[in-house]
Amino acid sequence: MRDAFESAWSVLKMSGSMQAAMTHDLPSYMEEALNQKMKTRNDARKKKSKAQKLRDKVQDHMEDADVIRYYKENHPEFFHSFMNGSGEE
């Protein structure tokens, strides 16, 4: 996929009068190119944020598993009783 600036530049080169296009259209093309760059950056940041959230979720799960494993191994009677419904009020 071509860069937004390259796309805008090719449109400018195809226009009949380069000078007229530059004075009237170039700001619009530049704005669009900047908007595309911002969108690309924001999408990358969003993906990074999603990845970090998933890493945090995995880390939380591993920490929870450690607690469950501790009770299962060190207090097996309680754990099995609890898992079978004991402790319900």
N, C-alpha and C. Protein backbone atom coordinates (compact mmCIF):
# COMPACT_ATOMS: atom_id res chain seq x y z
N MET A 1 0.83 -1.18 0.00
CA MET A 1 0.00 0.00 0.00
C MET A 1 0.87 1.24 0.00
N ARG A 2 0.56 2.17 -0.89
CA ARG A 2 1.38 3.37 -0.99
C ARG A 2 1.06 4.33 0.13
N ASP A 3 2.07 5.07 0.46
CA ASP A 3 1.94 6.09 1.48
C ASP A 3 0.94 7.14 1.02
N ALA A 4 0.21 7.74 1.93
CA ALA A 4 -0.80 8.74 1.59
C ALA A 4 -0.17 9.93 0.88
N PHE A 5 1.04 10.31 1.27
CA PHE A 5 1.71 11.43 0.61
C PHE A 5 2.02 11.09 -0.84
N GLU A 6 2.50 9.88 -1.09
CA GLU A 6 2.79 9.47 -2.46
C GLU A 6 1.53 9.49 -3.31
N SER A 7 0.42 9.06 -2.75
CA SER A 7 -0.85 9.09 -3.47
C SER A 7 -1.25 10.51 -3.80
N ALA A 8 -1.13 11.39 -2.81
CA ALA A 8 -1.48 12.79 -3.05
C ALA A 8 -0.57 13.40 -4.10
N TRP A 9 0.71 13.07 -4.04
CA TRP A 9 1.67 13.62 -5.00
C TRP A 9 1.37 13.15 -6.41
N SER A 10 1.00 11.89 -6.57
CA SER A 10 0.69 11.39 -7.92
C SER A 10 -0.56 12.07 -8.48
N VAL A 11 -1.52 12.37 -7.63
CA VAL A 11 -2.72 13.10 -8.08
C VAL A 11 -2.32 14.50 -8.53
N LEU A 12 -1.44 15.13 -7.78
CA LEU A 12 -0.98 16.46 -8.15
C LEU A 12 -0.26 16.44 -9.50
N LYS A 13 0.56 15.44 -9.73
CA LYS A 13 1.31 15.36 -10.98
C LYS A 13 0.38 15.12 -12.16
N MET A 14 -0.77 14.46 -11.95
CA MET A 14 -1.71 14.19 -13.03
C MET A 14 -2.54 15.42 -13.37
N SER A 15 -2.64 16.38 -12.47
CA SER A 15 -3.50 17.53 -12.73
C SER A 15 -2.92 18.38 -13.85
N GLY A 16 -3.80 19.12 -14.53
CA GLY A 16 -3.40 19.94 -15.67
C GLY A 16 -2.42 21.02 -15.31
N SER A 17 -2.64 21.74 -14.26
CA SER A 17 -1.76 22.83 -13.88
C SER A 17 -1.19 22.55 -12.50
N MET A 18 0.08 22.21 -12.47
CA MET A 18 0.74 21.88 -11.21
C MET A 18 0.71 23.07 -10.26
N GLN A 19 0.95 24.25 -10.78
CA GLN A 19 0.97 25.44 -9.92
C GLN A 19 -0.39 25.68 -9.28
N ALA A 20 -1.46 25.57 -10.06
CA ALA A 20 -2.80 25.78 -9.51
C ALA A 20 -3.12 24.71 -8.48
N ALA A 21 -2.75 23.48 -8.78
CA ALA A 21 -3.00 22.38 -7.84
C ALA A 21 -2.25 22.61 -6.54
N MET A 22 -1.02 23.06 -6.64
CA MET A 22 -0.22 23.28 -5.44
C MET A 22 -0.83 24.37 -4.56
N THR A 23 -1.33 25.42 -5.17
CA THR A 23 -1.84 26.51 -4.34
C THR A 23 -3.23 26.20 -3.79
N HIS A 24 -4.00 25.37 -4.48
CA HIS A 24 -5.36 25.12 -4.05
C HIS A 24 -5.56 23.77 -3.38
N ASP A 25 -4.85 22.75 -3.81
CA ASP A 25 -5.11 21.40 -3.33
C ASP A 25 -4.05 20.85 -2.39
N LEU A 26 -2.85 21.34 -2.47
CA LEU A 26 -1.78 20.75 -1.67
C LEU A 26 -2.08 20.78 -0.17
N PRO A 27 -2.63 21.85 0.37
CA PRO A 27 -2.97 21.81 1.81
C PRO A 27 -3.95 20.68 2.14
N SER A 28 -4.90 20.44 1.25
CA SER A 28 -5.85 19.35 1.50
C SER A 28 -5.15 18.00 1.46
N TYR A 29 -4.25 17.83 0.49
CA TYR A 29 -3.52 16.56 0.39
C TYR A 29 -2.58 16.39 1.58
N MET A 30 -1.95 17.49 1.98
CA MET A 30 -1.06 17.40 3.13
C MET A 30 -1.85 17.05 4.38
N GLU A 31 -3.00 17.66 4.55
CA GLU A 31 -3.84 17.35 5.70
C GLU A 31 -4.27 15.89 5.69
N GLU A 32 -4.65 15.38 4.51
CA GLU A 32 -5.04 13.98 4.41
C GLU A 32 -3.87 13.05 4.72
N ALA A 33 -2.69 13.41 4.22
CA ALA A 33 -1.50 12.58 4.51
C ALA A 33 -1.22 12.56 6.01
N LEU A 34 -1.33 13.72 6.66
CA LEU A 34 -1.12 13.77 8.11
C LEU A 34 -2.18 12.98 8.86
N ASN A 35 -3.42 13.05 8.40
CA ASN A 35 -4.50 12.27 9.02
C ASN A 35 -4.23 10.78 8.90
N GLN A 36 -3.74 10.35 7.73
CA GLN A 36 -3.43 8.94 7.53
C GLN A 36 -2.30 8.49 8.45
N LYS A 37 -1.28 9.33 8.59
CA LYS A 37 -0.16 9.00 9.49
C LYS A 37 -0.67 8.88 10.93
N MET A 38 -1.53 9.80 11.34
CA MET A 38 -2.07 9.77 12.69
C MET A 38 -2.89 8.50 12.91
N LYS A 39 -3.68 8.13 11.91
CA LYS A 39 -4.49 6.91 12.02
C LYS A 39 -3.60 5.68 12.15
N THR A 40 -2.55 5.64 11.35
CA THR A 40 -1.61 4.52 11.40
C THR A 40 -0.96 4.42 12.78
N ARG A 41 -0.53 5.57 13.30
CA ARG A 41 0.08 5.58 14.65
C ARG A 41 -0.93 5.14 15.70
N ASN A 42 -2.15 5.68 15.62
CA ASN A 42 -3.16 5.32 16.62
C ASN A 42 -3.52 3.85 16.55
N ASP A 43 -3.60 3.30 15.33
CA ASP A 43 -3.89 1.87 15.18
C ASP A 43 -2.77 1.04 15.80
N ALA A 44 -1.53 1.44 15.57
CA ALA A 44 -0.39 0.71 16.14
C ALA A 44 -0.42 0.79 17.66
N ARG A 45 -0.74 1.96 18.19
CA ARG A 45 -0.81 2.11 19.65
C ARG A 45 -1.95 1.28 20.22
N LYS A 46 -3.07 1.23 19.51
CA LYS A 46 -4.21 0.45 19.98
C LYS A 46 -3.84 -1.03 20.03
N LYS A 47 -3.15 -1.51 18.98
CA LYS A 47 -2.73 -2.91 18.96
C LYS A 47 -1.75 -3.18 20.11
N LYS A 48 -0.85 -2.25 20.33
CA LYS A 48 0.11 -2.41 21.42
C LYS A 48 -0.63 -2.44 22.75
N SER A 49 -1.61 -1.57 22.88
CA SER A 49 -2.40 -1.54 24.10
C SER A 49 -3.15 -2.86 24.30
N LYS A 50 -3.72 -3.40 23.21
CA LYS A 50 -4.42 -4.69 23.30
C LYS A 50 -3.46 -5.78 23.71
N ALA A 51 -2.27 -5.76 23.13
CA ALA A 51 -1.28 -6.78 23.47
C ALA A 51 -0.88 -6.67 24.94
N GLN A 52 -0.69 -5.44 25.42
CA GLN A 52 -0.31 -5.27 26.83
C GLN A 52 -1.43 -5.72 27.75
N LYS A 53 -2.67 -5.43 27.38
CA LYS A 53 -3.80 -5.89 28.19
C LYS A 53 -3.84 -7.41 28.24
N LEU A 54 -3.56 -8.05 27.12
CA LEU A 54 -3.55 -9.51 27.10
C LEU A 54 -2.41 -10.05 27.95
N ARG A 55 -1.22 -9.42 27.86
CA ARG A 55 -0.11 -9.86 28.71
C ARG A 55 -0.48 -9.72 30.19
N ASP A 56 -1.13 -8.61 30.53
CA ASP A 56 -1.55 -8.41 31.91
C ASP A 56 -2.55 -9.48 32.34
N LYS A 57 -3.46 -9.81 31.45
CA LYS A 57 -4.46 -10.84 31.75
C LYS A 57 -3.79 -12.20 31.98
N VAL A 58 -2.83 -12.54 31.15
CA VAL A 58 -2.10 -13.80 31.30
C VAL A 58 -1.35 -13.80 32.63
N GLN A 59 -0.70 -12.68 32.93
CA GLN A 59 0.05 -12.58 34.18
C GLN A 59 -0.90 -12.74 35.38
N ASP A 60 -2.06 -12.10 35.31
CA ASP A 60 -3.05 -12.24 36.39
C ASP A 60 -3.48 -13.69 36.53
N HIS A 61 -3.71 -14.35 35.42
CA HIS A 61 -4.13 -15.75 35.45
C HIS A 61 -3.05 -16.62 36.11
N MET A 62 -1.79 -16.36 35.75
CA MET A 62 -0.69 -17.15 36.32
C MET A 62 -0.59 -16.93 37.83
N GLU A 63 -0.79 -15.67 38.26
CA GLU A 63 -0.75 -15.39 39.69
C GLU A 63 -1.91 -16.06 40.42
N ASP A 64 -3.09 -16.03 39.80
CA ASP A 64 -4.25 -16.71 40.39
C ASP A 64 -4.00 -18.22 40.47
N ALA A 65 -3.40 -18.77 39.43
CA ALA A 65 -3.12 -20.21 39.40
C ALA A 65 -2.16 -20.59 40.53
N ASP A 66 -1.22 -19.70 40.83
CA ASP A 66 -0.29 -19.97 41.93
C ASP A 66 -1.02 -20.08 43.27
N VAL A 67 -1.98 -19.20 43.49
CA VAL A 67 -2.76 -19.22 44.74
C VAL A 67 -3.59 -20.50 44.81
N ILE A 68 -4.26 -20.82 43.72
CA ILE A 68 -5.09 -22.03 43.68
C ILE A 68 -4.23 -23.27 43.90
N ARG A 69 -3.08 -23.32 43.23
CA ARG A 69 -2.17 -24.46 43.38
C ARG A 69 -1.71 -24.59 44.84
N TYR A 70 -1.41 -23.47 45.49
CA TYR A 70 -0.97 -23.50 46.88
C TYR A 70 -2.02 -24.16 47.78
N TYR A 71 -3.28 -23.70 47.63
CA TYR A 71 -4.34 -24.27 48.48
C TYR A 71 -4.61 -25.72 48.13
N LYS A 72 -4.54 -26.04 46.86
CA LYS A 72 -4.79 -27.43 46.43
C LYS A 72 -3.72 -28.37 46.99
N GLU A 73 -2.46 -27.92 46.97
CA GLU A 73 -1.36 -28.78 47.42
C GLU A 73 -1.18 -28.76 48.94
N ASN A 74 -1.43 -27.64 49.59
CA ASN A 74 -1.15 -27.51 51.02
C ASN A 74 -2.37 -27.71 51.91
N HIS A 75 -3.54 -27.61 51.36
CA HIS A 75 -4.78 -27.80 52.11
C HIS A 75 -5.74 -28.61 51.26
N PRO A 76 -5.36 -29.86 50.90
CA PRO A 76 -6.15 -30.64 49.96
C PRO A 76 -7.57 -30.94 50.46
N GLU A 77 -7.73 -31.21 51.76
CA GLU A 77 -9.08 -31.52 52.26
C GLU A 77 -9.99 -30.32 52.09
N PHE A 78 -9.50 -29.15 52.49
CA PHE A 78 -10.29 -27.93 52.32
C PHE A 78 -10.60 -27.70 50.84
N PHE A 79 -9.59 -27.81 50.00
CA PHE A 79 -9.76 -27.49 48.59
C PHE A 79 -10.80 -28.40 47.94
N HIS A 80 -10.68 -29.69 48.17
CA HIS A 80 -11.63 -30.62 47.55
C HIS A 80 -13.04 -30.43 48.12
N SER A 81 -13.12 -30.17 49.42
CA SER A 81 -14.41 -29.92 50.04
C SER A 81 -15.03 -28.65 49.44
N PHE A 82 -14.22 -27.62 49.30
CA PHE A 82 -14.68 -26.36 48.73
C PHE A 82 -15.16 -26.56 47.29
N MET A 83 -14.39 -27.28 46.50
CA MET A 83 -14.73 -27.50 45.09
C MET A 83 -16.01 -28.35 44.95
N ASN A 84 -16.29 -29.15 45.97
CA ASN A 84 -17.51 -29.97 45.94
C ASN A 84 -18.72 -29.24 46.53
N GLY A 85 -18.57 -27.95 46.82
CA GLY A 85 -19.71 -27.17 47.26
C GLY A 85 -19.71 -26.76 48.70
N SER A 86 -18.75 -27.17 49.48
CA SER A 86 -18.68 -26.77 50.88
C SER A 86 -18.43 -25.26 50.96
N GLY A 87 -18.97 -24.66 52.01
CA GLY A 87 -18.78 -23.23 52.19
C GLY A 87 -19.93 -22.41 51.63
N GLU A 88 -20.93 -23.10 51.08
CA GLU A 88 -22.11 -22.40 50.58
C GLU A 88 -22.95 -21.98 51.78
N GLU A 89 -23.50 -20.83 51.74
CA GLU A 89 -24.33 -20.39 52.87
C GLU A 89 -25.78 -20.50 52.56
